[in-house]
Amino acid sequence: MSALVIYYSYSGNTRRAAERIGKAIGADLAEIQTVRPYTGSYDDVVDQGQREVDSGFLPELRPLGTDLSRYDTIILGTPVWWYTFAPAMNSFLHSADLSGKTVYPFATNGGWLGHTFRDFEKACRGAQVKAGLDIRFNGDRQMTPDTDIQKWLKNF
């Protein structure tokens, strides 16, 4: 199996989860980065994120620098922004061809997962989307038991 973890992280929680998952299954890592980083206070970014999710805004991304054709398994990680994946992940999914891939999504959040995993299923056209992993946080403290993560990792 050739696996790649592709993730977007705003606060660092998703990055730490992606690194942990990548290490556990021996996958490569690729970080989605916006051309214009989010700036301002937490509340400013939350408000901007809500406007972007509501309007379907697709921020411009830096090149991923990874050849997706080399991988048959893609693990996608995102923070939950307003009950779905972050706009940066939405941009990636609009531009990437994941057809024929097996996709395992995971999401980090401090509240409610919303419809994030259903949205992954819709956005990953032509891919086989497997059950996702919801990793809850309180600030930067992981609330999801490690045993839940270990159980999900047995899928690989």
C-alpha atoms as a PDB file:
ATOM      1  CA  MET A   1       0.000   0.000   0.000  1.00  0.00           C
ATOM      2  CA  SER A   2       1.241   3.449  -0.830  1.00  0.00           C
ATOM      3  CA  ALA A   3      -0.443   5.960   1.450  1.00  0.00           C
ATOM      4  CA  LEU A   4      -0.394   9.736   1.696  1.00  0.00           C
ATOM      5  CA  VAL A   5      -1.799  11.891   4.477  1.00  0.00           C
ATOM      6  CA  ILE A   6      -2.976  15.227   3.083  1.00  0.00           C
ATOM      7  CA  TYR A   7      -4.078  17.714   5.701  1.00  0.00           C
ATOM      8  CA  TYR A   8      -4.942  21.325   6.389  1.00  0.00           C
ATOM      9  CA  SER A   9      -4.299  22.678   9.868  1.00  0.00           C
ATOM     10  CA  TYR A  10      -5.085  26.104  11.276  1.00  0.00           C
ATOM     11  CA  SER A  11      -4.206  25.789  14.963  1.00  0.00           C
ATOM     12  CA  GLY A  12      -1.880  22.770  14.843  1.00  0.00           C
ATOM     13  CA  ASN A  13      -4.264  20.090  16.150  1.00  0.00           C
ATOM     14  CA  THR A  14      -4.874  18.615  12.703  1.00  0.00           C
ATOM     15  CA  ARG A  15      -1.139  18.722  11.921  1.00  0.00           C
ATOM     16  CA  ARG A  16      -0.295  16.774  15.092  1.00  0.00           C
ATOM     17  CA  ALA A  17      -3.009  14.214  14.312  1.00  0.00           C
ATOM     18  CA  ALA A  18      -1.802  13.882  10.690  1.00  0.00           C
ATOM     19  CA  GLU A  19       1.790  13.358  11.800  1.00  0.00           C
ATOM     20  CA  ARG A  20       0.709  10.720  14.298  1.00  0.00           C
ATOM     21  CA  ILE A  21      -1.418   8.883  11.715  1.00  0.00           C
ATOM     22  CA  GLY A  22       1.332   9.093   9.100  1.00  0.00           C
ATOM     23  CA  LYS A  23       3.906   7.684  11.481  1.00  0.00           C
ATOM     24  CA  ALA A  24       1.596   4.863  12.633  1.00  0.00           C
ATOM     25  CA  ILE A  25       0.903   3.590   9.107  1.00  0.00           C
ATOM     26  CA  GLY A  26       4.145   4.589   7.381  1.00  0.00           C
ATOM     27  CA  ALA A  27       2.490   7.157   5.108  1.00  0.00           C
ATOM     28  CA  ASP A  28       3.967  10.236   3.470  1.00  0.00           C
ATOM     29  CA  LEU A  29       2.672  13.670   4.518  1.00  0.00           C
ATOM     30  CA  ALA A  30       1.576  16.698   2.505  1.00  0.00           C
ATOM     31  CA  GLU A  31       0.224  19.910   4.016  1.00  0.00           C
ATOM     32  CA  ILE A  32      -2.376  22.046   2.278  1.00  0.00           C
ATOM     33  CA  GLN A  33      -1.444  25.715   2.638  1.00  0.00           C
ATOM     34  CA  THR A  34      -3.373  28.746   1.498  1.00  0.00           C
ATOM     35  CA  VAL A  35      -1.550  31.414  -0.504  1.00  0.00           C
ATOM     36  CA  ARG A  36      -2.925  34.016   1.909  1.00  0.00           C
ATOM     37  CA  PRO A  37      -2.746  32.723   5.504  1.00  0.00           C
ATOM     38  CA  TYR A  38      -5.581  33.478   7.882  1.00  0.00           C
ATOM     39  CA  THR A  39      -4.718  36.381  10.170  1.00  0.00           C
ATOM     40  CA  GLY A  40      -6.323  38.250  13.032  1.00  0.00           C
ATOM     41  CA  SER A  41      -7.846  37.141  16.282  1.00  0.00           C
ATOM     42  CA  TYR A  42      -9.453  33.741  16.726  1.00  0.00           C
ATOM     43  CA  ASP A  43     -12.889  35.371  16.540  1.00  0.00           C
ATOM     44  CA  ASP A  44     -11.924  37.202  13.321  1.00  0.00           C
ATOM     45  CA  VAL A  45     -10.855  33.928  11.714  1.00  0.00           C
ATOM     46  CA  VAL A  46     -14.022  32.154  12.930  1.00  0.00           C
ATOM     47  CA  ASP A  47     -16.162  34.914  11.378  1.00  0.00           C
ATOM     48  CA  GLN A  48     -14.164  34.812   8.135  1.00  0.00           C
ATOM     49  CA  GLY A  49     -14.433  31.024   8.073  1.00  0.00           C
ATOM     50  CA  GLN A  50     -18.206  31.170   8.463  1.00  0.00           C
ATOM     51  CA  ARG A  51     -18.500  33.622   5.557  1.00  0.00           C
ATOM     52  CA  GLU A  52     -16.250  31.430   3.405  1.00  0.00           C
ATOM     53  CA  VAL A  53     -18.121  28.205   4.192  1.00  0.00           C
ATOM     54  CA  ASP A  54     -21.508  29.861   3.642  1.00  0.00           C
ATOM     55  CA  SER A  55     -20.458  31.305   0.282  1.00  0.00           C
ATOM     56  CA  GLY A  56     -18.523  28.237  -0.937  1.00  0.00           C
ATOM     57  CA  PHE A  57     -15.338  30.328  -1.169  1.00  0.00           C
ATOM     58  CA  LEU A  58     -12.297  28.422  -2.476  1.00  0.00           C
ATOM     59  CA  PRO A  59      -9.061  30.014  -1.247  1.00  0.00           C
ATOM     60  CA  GLU A  60      -6.051  29.816  -3.545  1.00  0.00           C
ATOM     61  CA  LEU A  61      -3.619  27.111  -2.468  1.00  0.00           C
ATOM     62  CA  ARG A  62       0.133  26.770  -2.679  1.00  0.00           C
ATOM     63  CA  PRO A  63       1.244  23.825  -4.821  1.00  0.00           C
ATOM     64  CA  LEU A  64       1.100  20.582  -2.842  1.00  0.00           C
ATOM     65  CA  GLY A  65       4.342  19.372  -4.377  1.00  0.00           C
ATOM     66  CA  THR A  66       3.236  15.741  -4.373  1.00  0.00           C
ATOM     67  CA  ASP A  67       2.334  13.439  -7.254  1.00  0.00           C
ATOM     68  CA  LEU A  68      -1.012  11.922  -6.233  1.00  0.00           C
ATOM     69  CA  SER A  69      -0.716   9.221  -8.901  1.00  0.00           C
ATOM     70  CA  ARG A  70       1.952   7.527  -6.754  1.00  0.00           C
ATOM     71  CA  TYR A  71      -0.595   6.707  -4.031  1.00  0.00           C
ATOM     72  CA  ASP A  72      -3.575   4.390  -3.896  1.00  0.00           C
ATOM     73  CA  THR A  73      -4.640   5.360  -0.361  1.00  0.00           C
ATOM     74  CA  ILE A  74      -5.263   8.970   0.632  1.00  0.00           C
ATOM     75  CA  ILE A  75      -5.926  10.038   4.212  1.00  0.00           C
ATOM     76  CA  LEU A  76      -7.525  13.494   4.326  1.00  0.00           C
ATOM     77  CA  GLY A  77      -7.396  15.576   7.507  1.00  0.00           C
ATOM     78  CA  THR A  78      -9.180  18.831   8.251  1.00  0.00           C
ATOM     79  CA  PRO A  79     -10.435  20.919  11.113  1.00  0.00           C
ATOM     80  CA  VAL A  80     -14.218  21.290  11.169  1.00  0.00           C
ATOM     81  CA  TRP A  81     -15.282  24.805  10.220  1.00  0.00           C
ATOM     82  CA  TRP A  82     -18.986  25.444  10.547  1.00  0.00           C
ATOM     83  CA  TYR A  83     -19.952  21.764  10.438  1.00  0.00           C
ATOM     84  CA  THR A  84     -17.872  20.829   7.380  1.00  0.00           C
ATOM     85  CA  PHE A  85     -14.279  20.716   6.172  1.00  0.00           C
ATOM     86  CA  ALA A  86     -12.230  23.917   6.087  1.00  0.00           C
ATOM     87  CA  PRO A  87     -12.361  26.030   2.893  1.00  0.00           C
ATOM     88  CA  ALA A  88      -8.727  25.098   2.148  1.00  0.00           C
ATOM     89  CA  MET A  89      -9.696  21.406   2.053  1.00  0.00           C
ATOM     90  CA  ASN A  90     -12.650  22.328  -0.154  1.00  0.00           C
ATOM     91  CA  SER A  91     -10.239  24.032  -2.584  1.00  0.00           C
ATOM     92  CA  PHE A  92      -8.026  20.960  -2.634  1.00  0.00           C
ATOM     93  CA  LEU A  93     -10.956  18.624  -3.263  1.00  0.00           C
ATOM     94  CA  HIS A  94     -12.204  20.807  -6.120  1.00  0.00           C
ATOM     95  CA  SER A  95      -8.841  20.636  -7.877  1.00  0.00           C
ATOM     96  CA  ALA A  96      -7.626  17.087  -7.104  1.00  0.00           C
ATOM     97  CA  ASP A  97      -8.582  13.937  -8.980  1.00  0.00           C
ATOM     98  CA  LEU A  98      -9.033  11.210  -6.371  1.00  0.00           C
ATOM     99  CA  SER A  99     -10.901   8.817  -8.640  1.00  0.00           C
ATOM    100  CA  GLY A 100      -9.819   5.234  -8.123  1.00  0.00           C
ATOM    101  CA  LYS A 101      -8.285   6.044  -4.729  1.00  0.00           C
ATOM    102  CA  THR A 102      -9.310   4.759  -1.324  1.00  0.00           C
ATOM    103  CA  VAL A 103      -9.924   7.758   0.934  1.00  0.00           C
ATOM    104  CA  TYR A 104      -9.975   7.778   4.732  1.00  0.00           C
ATOM    105  CA  PRO A 105     -11.052  11.161   6.150  1.00  0.00           C
ATOM    106  CA  PHE A 106     -10.405  12.439   9.640  1.00  0.00           C
ATOM    107  CA  ALA A 107     -11.581  15.641  11.237  1.00  0.00           C
ATOM    108  CA  THR A 108     -10.536  17.581  14.306  1.00  0.00           C
ATOM    109  CA  ASN A 109     -13.032  19.712  16.165  1.00  0.00           C
ATOM    110  CA  GLY A 110     -13.909  21.265  19.469  1.00  0.00           C
ATOM    111  CA  GLY A 111     -17.638  21.104  19.078  1.00  0.00           C
ATOM    112  CA  TRP A 112     -19.729  19.237  16.574  1.00  0.00           C
ATOM    113  CA  LEU A 113     -18.621  17.242  13.527  1.00  0.00           C
ATOM    114  CA  GLY A 114     -21.717  18.274  11.598  1.00  0.00           C
ATOM    115  CA  HIS A 115     -21.916  16.851   8.071  1.00  0.00           C
ATOM    116  CA  THR A 116     -18.151  16.786   7.451  1.00  0.00           C
ATOM    117  CA  PHE A 117     -17.902  13.102   6.527  1.00  0.00           C
ATOM    118  CA  ARG A 118     -20.999  13.201   4.278  1.00  0.00           C
ATOM    119  CA  ASP A 119     -19.401  16.199   2.540  1.00  0.00           C
ATOM    120  CA  PHE A 120     -16.194  14.201   1.992  1.00  0.00           C
ATOM    121  CA  GLU A 121     -18.232  11.428   0.358  1.00  0.00           C
ATOM    122  CA  LYS A 122     -19.832  13.942  -2.021  1.00  0.00           C
ATOM    123  CA  ALA A 123     -16.588  15.786  -2.815  1.00  0.00           C
ATOM    124  CA  CYS A 124     -14.394  12.732  -3.458  1.00  0.00           C
ATOM    125  CA  ARG A 125     -15.933  11.823  -6.797  1.00  0.00           C
ATOM    126  CA  GLY A 126     -14.852   8.428  -8.095  1.00  0.00           C
ATOM    127  CA  ALA A 127     -13.057   7.494  -4.861  1.00  0.00           C
ATOM    128  CA  GLN A 128     -14.010   4.847  -2.340  1.00  0.00           C
ATOM    129  CA  VAL A 129     -14.529   6.832   0.871  1.00  0.00           C
ATOM    130  CA  LYS A 130     -14.161   4.793   4.045  1.00  0.00           C
ATOM    131  CA  ALA A 131     -15.411   5.515   7.568  1.00  0.00           C
ATOM    132  CA  GLY A 132     -13.952   8.683   9.015  1.00  0.00           C
ATOM    133  CA  LEU A 133     -12.308   9.427  12.348  1.00  0.00           C
ATOM    134  CA  ASP A 134     -13.627  12.245  14.537  1.00  0.00           C
ATOM    135  CA  ILE A 135     -10.896  13.597  16.846  1.00  0.00           C
ATOM    136  CA  ARG A 136     -12.293  15.988  19.453  1.00  0.00           C
ATOM    137  CA  PHE A 137     -10.214  18.629  21.182  1.00  0.00           C
ATOM    138  CA  ASN A 138     -10.665  21.115  23.982  1.00  0.00           C
ATOM    139  CA  GLY A 139      -8.242  23.840  22.963  1.00  0.00           C
ATOM    140  CA  ASP A 140      -5.084  21.905  22.181  1.00  0.00           C
ATOM    141  CA  ARG A 141      -5.948  19.001  24.501  1.00  0.00           C
ATOM    142  CA  GLN A 142      -7.124  15.848  22.748  1.00  0.00           C
ATOM    143  CA  MET A 143     -10.412  14.592  24.194  1.00  0.00           C
ATOM    144  CA  THR A 144     -10.881  11.546  21.937  1.00  0.00           C
ATOM    145  CA  PRO A 145      -9.402   8.480  23.638  1.00  0.00           C
ATOM    146  CA  ASP A 146      -6.235   7.120  22.038  1.00  0.00           C
ATOM    147  CA  THR A 147      -7.958   3.734  21.872  1.00  0.00           C
ATOM    148  CA  ASP A 148     -10.501   5.183  19.374  1.00  0.00           C
ATOM    149  CA  ILE A 149      -7.661   6.362  17.148  1.00  0.00           C
ATOM    150  CA  GLN A 150      -5.830   3.025  17.435  1.00  0.00           C
ATOM    151  CA  LYS A 151      -9.019   1.172  16.478  1.00  0.00           C
ATOM    152  CA  TRP A 152      -9.432   3.359  13.352  1.00  0.00           C
ATOM    153  CA  LEU A 153      -5.767   2.818  12.421  1.00  0.00           C
ATOM    154  CA  LYS A 154      -6.371  -0.950  12.249  1.00  0.00           C
ATOM    155  CA  ASN A 155      -8.175  -0.263   8.933  1.00  0.00           C
ATOM    156  CA  PHE A 156      -4.803   0.206   7.226  1.00  0.00           C
END
